[in-house]
Amino acid sequence: PVTRFLQIIVRLSLRIVGIDVRANEQLTSAAEEIRS
């Protein structure tokens, strides 16, 4: 319960500066991870 409340505050704070943490950007593909 506490961590969920803290996550809401963090997400709202980041959204104010233009960062959406819900956008789960995949920087590397699975194939690239395996290759690395």
PDB file of all heavy atoms in Angstrom:
ATOM      1  N   PRO A   1       0.812  -1.223   0.000  1.00  0.00           N
ATOM      2  CA  PRO A   1       0.000   0.000   0.000  1.00  0.00           C
ATOM      3  C   PRO A   1       0.842   1.267   0.000  1.00  0.00           C
ATOM      4  O   PRO A   1       0.525   2.243  -0.704  1.00  0.00           O
ATOM      5  CB  PRO A   1      -0.842  -0.124   1.272  1.00  0.00           C
ATOM      6  CG  PRO A   1      -0.865  -1.582   1.578  1.00  0.00           C
ATOM      7  CD  PRO A   1       0.462  -2.092   1.158  1.00  0.00           C
ATOM      8  N   VAL A   2       1.924   1.261   0.781  1.00  0.00           N
ATOM      9  CA  VAL A   2       2.789   2.437   0.851  1.00  0.00           C
ATOM     10  C   VAL A   2       3.524   2.655  -0.463  1.00  0.00           C
ATOM     11  O   VAL A   2       3.614   3.778  -0.971  1.00  0.00           O
ATOM     12  CB  VAL A   2       3.783   2.302   2.023  1.00  0.00           C
ATOM     13  CG1 VAL A   2       4.672   3.539   2.109  1.00  0.00           C
ATOM     14  CG2 VAL A   2       3.052   2.090   3.336  1.00  0.00           C
ATOM     15  N   THR A   3       4.072   1.567  -1.012  1.00  0.00           N
ATOM     16  CA  THR A   3       4.830   1.701  -2.255  1.00  0.00           C
ATOM     17  C   THR A   3       3.943   2.137  -3.420  1.00  0.00           C
ATOM     18  O   THR A   3       4.392   2.886  -4.297  1.00  0.00           O
ATOM     19  CB  THR A   3       5.520   0.369  -2.605  1.00  0.00           C
ATOM     20  OG1 THR A   3       4.550  -0.688  -2.652  1.00  0.00           O
ATOM     21  CG2 THR A   3       6.584   0.033  -1.569  1.00  0.00           C
ATOM     22  N   ARG A   4       2.697   1.673  -3.442  1.00  0.00           N
ATOM     23  CA  ARG A   4       1.791   2.109  -4.500  1.00  0.00           C
ATOM     24  C   ARG A   4       1.531   3.608  -4.416  1.00  0.00           C
ATOM     25  O   ARG A   4       1.497   4.301  -5.440  1.00  0.00           O
ATOM     26  CB  ARG A   4       0.482   1.338  -4.417  1.00  0.00           C
ATOM     27  CG  ARG A   4       0.587  -0.115  -4.878  1.00  0.00           C
ATOM     28  CD  ARG A   4      -0.717  -0.853  -4.678  1.00  0.00           C
ATOM     29  NE  ARG A   4      -0.606  -2.252  -5.101  1.00  0.00           N
ATOM     30  CZ  ARG A   4      -1.560  -3.151  -4.925  1.00  0.00           C
ATOM     31  NH1 ARG A   4      -2.702  -2.800  -4.337  1.00  0.00           N
ATOM     32  NH2 ARG A   4      -1.376  -4.405  -5.327  1.00  0.00           N
ATOM     33  N   PHE A   5       1.341   4.093  -3.205  1.00  0.00           N
ATOM     34  CA  PHE A   5       1.136   5.522  -3.000  1.00  0.00           C
ATOM     35  C   PHE A   5       2.371   6.311  -3.437  1.00  0.00           C
ATOM     36  O   PHE A   5       2.263   7.350  -4.100  1.00  0.00           O
ATOM     37  CB  PHE A   5       0.806   5.798  -1.534  1.00  0.00           C
ATOM     38  CG  PHE A   5       0.671   7.264  -1.201  1.00  0.00           C
ATOM     39  CD1 PHE A   5      -0.432   7.990  -1.624  1.00  0.00           C
ATOM     40  CD2 PHE A   5       1.655   7.911  -0.464  1.00  0.00           C
ATOM     41  CE1 PHE A   5      -0.547   9.342  -1.322  1.00  0.00           C
ATOM     42  CE2 PHE A   5       1.536   9.255  -0.151  1.00  0.00           C
ATOM     43  CZ  PHE A   5       0.440   9.970  -0.585  1.00  0.00           C
ATOM     44  N   LEU A   6       3.560   5.810  -3.078  1.00  0.00           N
ATOM     45  CA  LEU A   6       4.793   6.478  -3.466  1.00  0.00           C
ATOM     46  C   LEU A   6       4.985   6.466  -4.980  1.00  0.00           C
ATOM     47  O   LEU A   6       5.481   7.430  -5.562  1.00  0.00           O
ATOM     48  CB  LEU A   6       5.993   5.814  -2.777  1.00  0.00           C
ATOM     49  CG  LEU A   6       6.044   5.943  -1.245  1.00  0.00           C
ATOM     50  CD1 LEU A   6       7.231   5.164  -0.691  1.00  0.00           C
ATOM     51  CD2 LEU A   6       6.138   7.408  -0.825  1.00  0.00           C
ATOM     52  N   GLN A   7       4.600   5.356  -5.635  1.00  0.00           N
ATOM     53  CA  GLN A   7       4.708   5.272  -7.084  1.00  0.00           C
ATOM     54  C   GLN A   7       3.828   6.300  -7.782  1.00  0.00           C
ATOM     55  O   GLN A   7       4.210   6.880  -8.791  1.00  0.00           O
ATOM     56  CB  GLN A   7       4.348   3.864  -7.562  1.00  0.00           C
ATOM     57  CG  GLN A   7       5.406   2.814  -7.260  1.00  0.00           C
ATOM     58  CD  GLN A   7       4.950   1.412  -7.593  1.00  0.00           C
ATOM     59  OE1 GLN A   7       3.871   1.225  -8.153  1.00  0.00           O
ATOM     60  NE2 GLN A   7       5.737   0.418  -7.243  1.00  0.00           N
ATOM     61  N   ILE A   8       2.631   6.528  -7.225  1.00  0.00           N
ATOM     62  CA  ILE A   8       1.730   7.538  -7.791  1.00  0.00           C
ATOM     63  C   ILE A   8       2.381   8.914  -7.724  1.00  0.00           C
ATOM     64  O   ILE A   8       2.363   9.686  -8.686  1.00  0.00           O
ATOM     65  CB  ILE A   8       0.375   7.528  -7.059  1.00  0.00           C
ATOM     66  CG1 ILE A   8      -0.357   6.207  -7.338  1.00  0.00           C
ATOM     67  CG2 ILE A   8      -0.474   8.715  -7.495  1.00  0.00           C
ATOM     68  CD1 ILE A   8      -1.632   6.044  -6.528  1.00  0.00           C
ATOM     69  N   ILE A   9       2.984   9.219  -6.571  1.00  0.00           N
ATOM     70  CA  ILE A   9       3.647  10.519  -6.405  1.00  0.00           C
ATOM     71  C   ILE A   9       4.808  10.659  -7.383  1.00  0.00           C
ATOM     72  O   ILE A   9       4.996  11.708  -8.015  1.00  0.00           O
ATOM     73  CB  ILE A   9       4.131  10.680  -4.952  1.00  0.00           C
ATOM     74  CG1 ILE A   9       2.937  10.699  -3.989  1.00  0.00           C
ATOM     75  CG2 ILE A   9       4.959  11.953  -4.800  1.00  0.00           C
ATOM     76  CD1 ILE A   9       3.336  10.773  -2.525  1.00  0.00           C
ATOM     77  N   VAL A  10       5.602   9.578  -7.525  1.00  0.00           N
ATOM     78  CA  VAL A  10       6.753   9.615  -8.429  1.00  0.00           C
ATOM     79  C   VAL A  10       6.312   9.821  -9.873  1.00  0.00           C
ATOM     80  O   VAL A  10       6.883  10.640 -10.610  1.00  0.00           O
ATOM     81  CB  VAL A  10       7.573   8.317  -8.289  1.00  0.00           C
ATOM     82  CG1 VAL A  10       8.633   8.231  -9.392  1.00  0.00           C
ATOM     83  CG2 VAL A  10       8.237   8.250  -6.921  1.00  0.00           C
ATOM     84  N   ARG A  11       5.290   9.089 -10.301  1.00  0.00           N
ATOM     85  CA  ARG A  11       4.821   9.203 -11.676  1.00  0.00           C
ATOM     86  C   ARG A  11       4.253  10.586 -11.972  1.00  0.00           C
ATOM     87  O   ARG A  11       4.500  11.139 -13.051  1.00  0.00           O
ATOM     88  CB  ARG A  11       3.780   8.133 -11.961  1.00  0.00           C
ATOM     89  CG  ARG A  11       4.364   6.720 -12.032  1.00  0.00           C
ATOM     90  CD  ARG A  11       3.283   5.674 -12.174  1.00  0.00           C
ATOM     91  NE  ARG A  11       3.848   4.333 -12.241  1.00  0.00           N
ATOM     92  CZ  ARG A  11       3.130   3.221 -12.285  1.00  0.00           C
ATOM     93  NH1 ARG A  11       1.797   3.295 -12.263  1.00  0.00           N
ATOM     94  NH2 ARG A  11       3.728   2.033 -12.328  1.00  0.00           N
ATOM     95  N   LEU A  12       3.502  11.136 -11.011  1.00  0.00           N
ATOM     96  CA  LEU A  12       2.964  12.477 -11.205  1.00  0.00           C
ATOM     97  C   LEU A  12       4.084  13.504 -11.271  1.00  0.00           C
ATOM     98  O   LEU A  12       4.040  14.438 -12.085  1.00  0.00           O
ATOM     99  CB  LEU A  12       1.990  12.824 -10.072  1.00  0.00           C
ATOM    100  CG  LEU A  12       0.658  12.058 -10.068  1.00  0.00           C
ATOM    101  CD1 LEU A  12      -0.155  12.417  -8.827  1.00  0.00           C
ATOM    102  CD2 LEU A  12      -0.149  12.362 -11.325  1.00  0.00           C
ATOM    103  N   SER A  13       5.104  13.336 -10.438  1.00  0.00           N
ATOM    104  CA  SER A  13       6.224  14.272 -10.435  1.00  0.00           C
ATOM    105  C   SER A  13       6.997  14.210 -11.746  1.00  0.00           C
ATOM    106  O   SER A  13       7.393  15.239 -12.303  1.00  0.00           O
ATOM    107  CB  SER A  13       7.155  13.975  -9.255  1.00  0.00           C
ATOM    108  OG  SER A  13       6.456  14.065  -8.020  1.00  0.00           O
ATOM    109  N   LEU A  14       7.226  12.973 -12.248  1.00  0.00           N
ATOM    110  CA  LEU A  14       7.935  12.827 -13.506  1.00  0.00           C
ATOM    111  C   LEU A  14       7.116  13.335 -14.686  1.00  0.00           C
ATOM    112  O   LEU A  14       7.671  13.871 -15.649  1.00  0.00           O
ATOM    113  CB  LEU A  14       8.311  11.357 -13.725  1.00  0.00           C
ATOM    114  CG  LEU A  14       9.382  10.791 -12.789  1.00  0.00           C
ATOM    115  CD1 LEU A  14       9.562   9.302 -13.026  1.00  0.00           C
ATOM    116  CD2 LEU A  14      10.712  11.510 -12.987  1.00  0.00           C
ATOM    117  N   ARG A  15       5.803  13.175 -14.594  1.00  0.00           N
ATOM    118  CA  ARG A  15       4.952  13.649 -15.674  1.00  0.00           C
ATOM    119  C   ARG A  15       4.999  15.165 -15.783  1.00  0.00           C
ATOM    120  O   ARG A  15       4.873  15.721 -16.883  1.00  0.00           O
ATOM    121  CB  ARG A  15       3.514  13.177 -15.456  1.00  0.00           C
ATOM    122  CG  ARG A  15       2.618  13.342 -16.689  1.00  0.00           C
ATOM    123  CD  ARG A  15       1.253  12.763 -16.441  1.00  0.00           C
ATOM    124  NE  ARG A  15       1.328  11.336 -16.163  1.00  0.00           N
ATOM    125  CZ  ARG A  15       0.267  10.599 -15.838  1.00  0.00           C
ATOM    126  NH1 ARG A  15      -0.932  11.165 -15.706  1.00  0.00           N
ATOM    127  NH2 ARG A  15       0.412   9.311 -15.618  1.00  0.00           N
ATOM    128  N   ILE A  16       5.203  15.818 -14.662  1.00  0.00           N
ATOM    129  CA  ILE A  16       5.287  17.279 -14.673  1.00  0.00           C
ATOM    130  C   ILE A  16       6.475  17.745 -15.513  1.00  0.00           C
ATOM    131  O   ILE A  16       6.394  18.751 -16.220  1.00  0.00           O
ATOM    132  CB  ILE A  16       5.395  17.816 -13.226  1.00  0.00           C
ATOM    133  CG1 ILE A  16       4.081  17.551 -12.482  1.00  0.00           C
ATOM    134  CG2 ILE A  16       5.716  19.308 -13.221  1.00  0.00           C
ATOM    135  CD1 ILE A  16       4.129  17.930 -11.012  1.00  0.00           C
ATOM    136  N   VAL A  17       7.581  16.975 -15.455  1.00  0.00           N
ATOM    137  CA  VAL A  17       8.775  17.348 -16.225  1.00  0.00           C
ATOM    138  C   VAL A  17       8.811  16.671 -17.590  1.00  0.00           C
ATOM    139  O   VAL A  17       9.833  16.672 -18.273  1.00  0.00           O
ATOM    140  CB  VAL A  17      10.053  17.020 -15.433  1.00  0.00           C
ATOM    141  CG1 VAL A  17      10.111  17.846 -14.164  1.00  0.00           C
ATOM    142  CG2 VAL A  17      10.136  15.529 -15.095  1.00  0.00           C
ATOM    143  N   GLY A  18       7.684  16.049 -17.988  1.00  0.00           N
ATOM    144  CA  GLY A  18       7.579  15.494 -19.324  1.00  0.00           C
ATOM    145  C   GLY A  18       8.053  14.069 -19.499  1.00  0.00           C
ATOM    146  O   GLY A  18       8.331  13.639 -20.627  1.00  0.00           O
ATOM    147  N   ILE A  19       8.150  13.292 -18.431  1.00  0.00           N
ATOM    148  CA  ILE A  19       8.596  11.901 -18.501  1.00  0.00           C
ATOM    149  C   ILE A  19       7.438  10.990 -18.140  1.00  0.00           C
ATOM    150  O   ILE A  19       6.854  11.114 -17.067  1.00  0.00           O
ATOM    151  CB  ILE A  19       9.788  11.638 -17.559  1.00  0.00           C
ATOM    152  CG1 ILE A  19      10.968  12.546 -17.926  1.00  0.00           C
ATOM    153  CG2 ILE A  19      10.205  10.172 -17.626  1.00  0.00           C
ATOM    154  CD1 ILE A  19      12.124  12.437 -16.956  1.00  0.00           C
ATOM    155  N   ASP A  20       7.088  10.087 -19.059  1.00  0.00           N
ATOM    156  CA  ASP A  20       6.018   9.138 -18.821  1.00  0.00           C
ATOM    157  C   ASP A  20       6.638   7.759 -18.582  1.00  0.00           C
ATOM    158  O   ASP A  20       7.112   7.108 -19.512  1.00  0.00           O
ATOM    159  CB  ASP A  20       5.061   9.089 -20.022  1.00  0.00           C
ATOM    160  CG  ASP A  20       3.818   8.241 -19.743  1.00  0.00           C
ATOM    161  OD1 ASP A  20       3.678   7.744 -18.599  1.00  0.00           O
ATOM    162  OD2 ASP A  20       2.996   8.062 -20.675  1.00  0.00           O
ATOM    163  N   VAL A  21       6.642   7.330 -17.338  1.00  0.00           N
ATOM    164  CA  VAL A  21       7.266   6.049 -17.000  1.00  0.00           C
ATOM    165  C   VAL A  21       6.437   4.869 -17.469  1.00  0.00           C
ATOM    166  O   VAL A  21       6.911   3.732 -17.488  1.00  0.00           O
ATOM    167  CB  VAL A  21       7.501   5.937 -15.477  1.00  0.00           C
ATOM    168  CG1 VAL A  21       8.486   6.966 -15.006  1.00  0.00           C
ATOM    169  CG2 VAL A  21       6.192   6.040 -14.710  1.00  0.00           C
ATOM    170  N   ARG A  22       5.190   5.098 -17.836  1.00  0.00           N
ATOM    171  CA  ARG A  22       4.377   4.002 -18.339  1.00  0.00           C
ATOM    172  C   ARG A  22       4.763   3.603 -19.748  1.00  0.00           C
ATOM    173  O   ARG A  22       4.419   2.506 -20.200  1.00  0.00           O
ATOM    174  CB  ARG A  22       2.895   4.380 -18.305  1.00  0.00           C
ATOM    175  CG  ARG A  22       2.342   4.569 -16.904  1.00  0.00           C
ATOM    176  CD  ARG A  22       0.898   5.033 -16.952  1.00  0.00           C
ATOM    177  NE  ARG A  22       0.765   6.302 -17.630  1.00  0.00           N
ATOM    178  CZ  ARG A  22      -0.403   6.908 -17.851  1.00  0.00           C
ATOM    179  NH1 ARG A  22      -1.526   6.364 -17.407  1.00  0.00           N
ATOM    180  NH2 ARG A  22      -0.446   8.068 -18.488  1.00  0.00           N
ATOM    181  N   ALA A  23       5.467   4.476 -20.452  1.00  0.00           N
ATOM    182  CA  ALA A  23       5.945   4.138 -21.792  1.00  0.00           C
ATOM    183  C   ALA A  23       7.149   3.221 -21.666  1.00  0.00           C
ATOM    184  O   ALA A  23       8.272   3.659 -21.468  1.00  0.00           O
ATOM    185  CB  ALA A  23       6.318   5.409 -22.553  1.00  0.00           C
ATOM    186  N   ASN A  24       6.911   1.977 -21.744  1.00  0.00           N
ATOM    187  CA  ASN A  24       7.951   0.966 -21.558  1.00  0.00           C
ATOM    188  C   ASN A  24       8.751   0.812 -22.844  1.00  0.00           C
ATOM    189  O   ASN A  24       8.463  -0.014 -23.696  1.00  0.00           O
ATOM    190  CB  ASN A  24       7.329  -0.367 -21.147  1.00  0.00           C
ATOM    191  CG  ASN A  24       8.377  -1.387 -20.761  1.00  0.00           C
ATOM    192  OD1 ASN A  24       9.505  -1.030 -20.442  1.00  0.00           O
ATOM    193  ND2 ASN A  24       7.988  -2.652 -20.788  1.00  0.00           N
ATOM    194  N   GLU A  25       9.760   1.635 -22.972  1.00  0.00           N
ATOM    195  CA  GLU A  25      10.576   1.634 -24.178  1.00  0.00           C
ATOM    196  C   GLU A  25      11.568   0.484 -24.139  1.00  0.00           C
ATOM    197  O   GLU A  25      12.371   0.360 -23.223  1.00  0.00           O
ATOM    198  CB  GLU A  25      11.319   2.960 -24.319  1.00  0.00           C
ATOM    199  CG  GLU A  25      12.141   3.056 -25.593  1.00  0.00           C
ATOM    200  CD  GLU A  25      12.849   4.390 -25.716  1.00  0.00           C
ATOM    201  OE1 GLU A  25      12.723   5.206 -24.793  1.00  0.00           O
ATOM    202  OE2 GLU A  25      13.517   4.605 -26.734  1.00  0.00           O
ATOM    203  N   GLN A  26      11.532  -0.347 -25.167  1.00  0.00           N
ATOM    204  CA  GLN A  26      12.449  -1.474 -25.291  1.00  0.00           C
ATOM    205  C   GLN A  26      13.639  -1.026 -26.121  1.00  0.00           C
ATOM    206  O   GLN A  26      13.564  -0.873 -27.344  1.00  0.00           O
ATOM    207  CB  GLN A  26      11.751  -2.668 -25.950  1.00  0.00           C
ATOM    208  CG  GLN A  26      12.576  -3.932 -25.976  1.00  0.00           C
ATOM    209  CD  GLN A  26      12.728  -4.559 -24.618  1.00  0.00           C
ATOM    210  OE1 GLN A  26      11.918  -4.357 -23.730  1.00  0.00           O
ATOM    211  NE2 GLN A  26      13.783  -5.326 -24.451  1.00  0.00           N
ATOM    212  N   LEU A  27      14.764  -0.798 -25.454  1.00  0.00           N
ATOM    213  CA  LEU A  27      15.941  -0.287 -26.129  1.00  0.00           C
ATOM    214  C   LEU A  27      16.642  -1.361 -26.947  1.00  0.00           C
ATOM    215  O   LEU A  27      17.236  -1.084 -27.979  1.00  0.00           O
ATOM    216  CB  LEU A  27      16.918   0.317 -25.103  1.00  0.00           C
ATOM    217  CG  LEU A  27      16.393   1.509 -24.310  1.00  0.00           C
ATOM    218  CD1 LEU A  27      17.453   1.982 -23.320  1.00  0.00           C
ATOM    219  CD2 LEU A  27      15.994   2.654 -25.228  1.00  0.00           C
ATOM    220  N   THR A  28      16.616  -2.582 -26.492  1.00  0.00           N
ATOM    221  CA  THR A  28      17.272  -3.668 -27.185  1.00  0.00           C
ATOM    222  C   THR A  28      16.317  -4.825 -27.387  1.00  0.00           C
ATOM    223  O   THR A  28      15.482  -5.103 -26.535  1.00  0.00           O
ATOM    224  CB  THR A  28      18.494  -4.171 -26.397  1.00  0.00           C
ATOM    225  OG1 THR A  28      18.094  -4.594 -25.094  1.00  0.00           O
ATOM    226  CG2 THR A  28      19.540  -3.090 -26.270  1.00  0.00           C
ATOM    227  N   SER A  29      16.418  -5.479 -28.523  1.00  0.00           N
ATOM    228  CA  SER A  29      15.583  -6.629 -28.799  1.00  0.00           C
ATOM    229  C   SER A  29      16.126  -7.856 -28.079  1.00  0.00           C
ATOM    230  O   SER A  29      17.256  -7.869 -27.593  1.00  0.00           O
ATOM    231  CB  SER A  29      15.525  -6.884 -30.302  1.00  0.00           C
ATOM    232  OG  SER A  29      16.804  -7.239 -30.788  1.00  0.00           O
ATOM    233  N   ALA A  30      15.295  -8.901 -28.050  1.00  0.00           N
ATOM    234  CA  ALA A  30      15.735 -10.141 -27.421  1.00  0.00           C
ATOM    235  C   ALA A  30      16.939 -10.728 -28.148  1.00  0.00           C
ATOM    236  O   ALA A  30      17.860 -11.261 -27.525  1.00  0.00           O
ATOM    237  CB  ALA A  30      14.574 -11.136 -27.396  1.00  0.00           C
ATOM    238  N   ALA A  31      16.925 -10.630 -29.489  1.00  0.00           N
ATOM    239  CA  ALA A  31      18.053 -11.150 -30.266  1.00  0.00           C
ATOM    240  C   ALA A  31      19.342 -10.417 -29.933  1.00  0.00           C
ATOM    241  O   ALA A  31      20.410 -11.027 -29.822  1.00  0.00           O
ATOM    242  CB  ALA A  31      17.755 -11.048 -31.762  1.00  0.00           C
ATOM    243  N   GLU A  32      19.260  -9.097 -29.776  1.00  0.00           N
ATOM    244  CA  GLU A  32      20.447  -8.324 -29.432  1.00  0.00           C
ATOM    245  C   GLU A  32      20.960  -8.684 -28.040  1.00  0.00           C
ATOM    246  O   GLU A  32      22.172  -8.729 -27.814  1.00  0.00           O
ATOM    247  CB  GLU A  32      20.136  -6.826 -29.525  1.00  0.00           C
ATOM    248  CG  GLU A  32      19.910  -6.329 -30.953  1.00  0.00           C
ATOM    249  CD  GLU A  32      19.441  -4.892 -30.984  1.00  0.00           C
ATOM    250  OE1 GLU A  32      18.897  -4.432 -29.957  1.00  0.00           O
ATOM    251  OE2 GLU A  32      19.591  -4.239 -32.040  1.00  0.00           O
ATOM    252  N   GLU A  33      20.048  -8.923 -27.115  1.00  0.00           N
ATOM    253  CA  GLU A  33      20.457  -9.325 -25.774  1.00  0.00           C
ATOM    254  C   GLU A  33      21.168 -10.672 -25.806  1.00  0.00           C
ATOM    255  O   GLU A  33      22.191 -10.868 -25.143  1.00  0.00           O
ATOM    256  CB  GLU A  33      19.240  -9.393 -24.848  1.00  0.00           C
ATOM    257  CG  GLU A  33      18.649  -8.036 -24.502  1.00  0.00           C
ATOM    258  CD  GLU A  33      17.517  -8.140 -23.503  1.00  0.00           C
ATOM    259  OE1 GLU A  33      17.240  -9.268 -23.050  1.00  0.00           O
ATOM    260  OE2 GLU A  33      16.919  -7.113 -23.170  1.00  0.00           O
ATOM    261  N   ILE A  34      20.629 -11.614 -26.568  1.00  0.00           N
ATOM    262  CA  ILE A  34      21.260 -12.926 -26.687  1.00  0.00           C
ATOM    263  C   ILE A  34      22.637 -12.800 -27.328  1.00  0.00           C
ATOM    264  O   ILE A  34      23.609 -13.398 -26.873  1.00  0.00           O
ATOM    265  CB  ILE A  34      20.370 -13.883 -27.501  1.00  0.00           C
ATOM    266  CG1 ILE A  34      19.059 -14.147 -26.761  1.00  0.00           C
ATOM    267  CG2 ILE A  34      21.092 -15.200 -27.771  1.00  0.00           C
ATOM    268  CD1 ILE A  34      18.062 -14.952 -27.565  1.00  0.00           C
ATOM    269  N   ARG A  35      22.713 -11.998 -28.385  1.00  0.00           N
ATOM    270  CA  ARG A  35      23.983 -11.810 -29.077  1.00  0.00           C
ATOM    271  C   ARG A  35      25.033 -11.182 -28.148  1.00  0.00           C
ATOM    272  O   ARG A  35      26.190 -11.605 -28.143  1.00  0.00           O
ATOM    273  CB  ARG A  35      23.777 -10.933 -30.309  1.00  0.00           C
ATOM    274  CG  ARG A  35      24.890 -11.091 -31.358  1.00  0.00           C
ATOM    275  CD  ARG A  35      24.679 -10.076 -32.486  1.00  0.00           C
ATOM    276  NE  ARG A  35      23.365 -10.215 -33.089  1.00  0.00           N
ATOM    277  CZ  ARG A  35      23.088 -11.052 -34.054  1.00  0.00           C
ATOM    278  NH1 ARG A  35      24.012 -11.847 -34.506  1.00  0.00           N
ATOM    279  NH2 ARG A  35      21.865 -11.112 -34.567  1.00  0.00           N
ATOM    280  N   SER A  36      24.612 -10.188 -27.374  1.00  0.00           N
ATOM    281  CA  SER A  36      25.534  -9.547 -26.438  1.00  0.00           C
ATOM    282  C   SER A  36      25.998 -10.521 -25.364  1.00  0.00           C
ATOM    283  O   SER A  36      27.172 -10.533 -24.986  1.00  0.00           O
ATOM    284  CB  SER A  36      24.864  -8.329 -25.795  1.00  0.00           C
ATOM    285  OG  SER A  36      24.513  -7.363 -26.772  1.00  0.00           O
TER     286      SER A  36
END
